[in-house]
Amino acid sequence: MGDRGGVLWVRVKARPVHDKANEALMDLMAETLGVPKNDLSLIRGHASRDKLLSIRGLDSRAVRGRIAQALLKRDDSGES
C-alpha cells in the first residue's frame, strides 16, 4: 500500500489462518526485493498485524530503494 512515516504498509489477500497471511507477506517481500524467500525472517509479529522482518544480504538503503522502485512500477501500471 505504500510507505507511511517510515513504515511499509502492505496488504495481502490471504487470511490470517494457518500462517497463510505470513506466508503471503514473505512471498510478496521476496518477489518485491528480488531475494530468495529463505533470506527473509519474520522476527516479530507472527500473530499480529505489525511485523518485523529481517532481510539477509541487503542494507536498509537497498531495501528502501527496491521498495520505492516497486511502488513506482505499481503506480505506473495503475495497480492498487
Protein backbone atom coordinates (compact mmCIF):
# COMPACT_ATOMS: atom_id res chain seq x y z
CA MET A 1 0.00 0.00 0.00
CA GLY A 2 3.00 2.27 0.48
CA ASP A 3 5.35 3.95 2.89
CA ARG A 4 3.73 5.92 5.68
CA GLY A 5 6.01 7.65 8.12
CA GLY A 6 8.89 5.25 7.54
CA VAL A 7 6.67 2.18 7.94
CA LEU A 8 5.84 -0.01 4.96
CA TRP A 9 2.13 -0.81 4.82
CA VAL A 10 1.32 -3.99 2.92
CA ARG A 11 -1.99 -5.68 2.29
CA VAL A 12 -2.20 -9.35 1.35
CA LYS A 13 -5.31 -11.24 0.30
CA ALA A 14 -4.55 -14.34 2.35
CA ARG A 15 -6.46 -14.72 5.58
CA PRO A 16 -4.55 -14.95 8.87
CA VAL A 17 -5.35 -18.65 9.26
CA HIS A 18 -2.72 -21.40 9.50
CA ASP A 19 0.05 -18.83 8.86
CA LYS A 20 -1.27 -18.13 5.33
CA ALA A 21 -1.04 -14.33 5.68
CA ASN A 22 2.55 -14.51 6.95
CA GLU A 23 3.48 -16.80 4.06
CA ALA A 24 1.83 -14.42 1.57
CA LEU A 25 3.74 -11.50 3.08
CA MET A 26 7.05 -13.36 2.84
CA ASP A 27 6.32 -14.32 -0.79
CA LEU A 28 5.44 -10.73 -1.67
CA MET A 29 8.51 -9.28 0.02
CA ALA A 30 10.87 -11.84 -1.56
CA GLU A 31 9.46 -11.06 -5.01
CA THR A 32 9.49 -7.29 -4.45
CA LEU A 33 13.03 -7.25 -3.10
CA GLY A 34 14.38 -9.78 -5.59
CA VAL A 35 15.78 -12.06 -2.90
CA PRO A 36 15.24 -15.74 -2.14
CA LYS A 37 12.48 -16.34 0.37
CA ASN A 38 14.96 -18.05 2.71
CA ASP A 39 16.79 -14.69 3.03
CA LEU A 40 13.74 -13.33 4.89
CA SER A 41 12.93 -14.00 8.53
CA LEU A 42 9.87 -12.94 10.47
CA ILE A 43 11.43 -11.61 13.67
CA ARG A 44 8.38 -10.28 15.46
CA GLY A 45 4.63 -10.24 14.94
CA HIS A 46 3.77 -13.80 13.97
CA ALA A 47 0.20 -13.38 15.28
CA SER A 48 -0.02 -9.59 14.95
CA ARG A 49 -0.83 -7.15 12.17
CA ASP A 50 2.51 -5.44 12.88
CA LYS A 51 5.51 -7.40 11.59
CA LEU A 52 9.25 -7.01 11.78
CA LEU A 53 11.26 -8.71 9.04
CA SER A 54 14.96 -9.36 8.75
CA ILE A 55 16.38 -9.36 5.22
CA ARG A 56 19.75 -11.02 4.79
CA GLY A 57 22.10 -9.52 2.24
CA LEU A 58 20.52 -6.08 1.87
CA ASP A 59 21.08 -2.95 3.90
CA SER A 60 18.25 -0.56 4.69
CA ARG A 61 19.15 1.74 1.78
CA ALA A 62 18.89 -1.12 -0.72
CA VAL A 63 15.60 -2.30 0.79
CA ARG A 64 14.08 1.18 0.61
CA GLY A 65 15.31 1.62 -2.96
CA ARG A 66 13.84 -1.66 -4.15
CA ILE A 67 10.54 -0.97 -2.41
CA ALA A 68 10.44 2.52 -3.93
CA GLN A 69 11.01 1.04 -7.40
CA ALA A 70 8.23 -1.48 -6.85
CA LEU A 71 5.84 1.25 -5.72
CA LEU A 72 6.68 3.35 -8.78
CA LYS A 73 6.04 0.39 -11.07
CA ARG A 74 2.74 -0.25 -9.31
CA ASP A 75 1.71 3.40 -9.69
CA ASP A 76 2.77 3.45 -13.35
CA SER A 77 0.73 0.33 -14.11
CA GLY A 78 -2.39 1.63 -12.36
CA GLU A 79 -2.44 -1.19 -9.77
CA SER A 80 -3.66 -0.52 -6.28
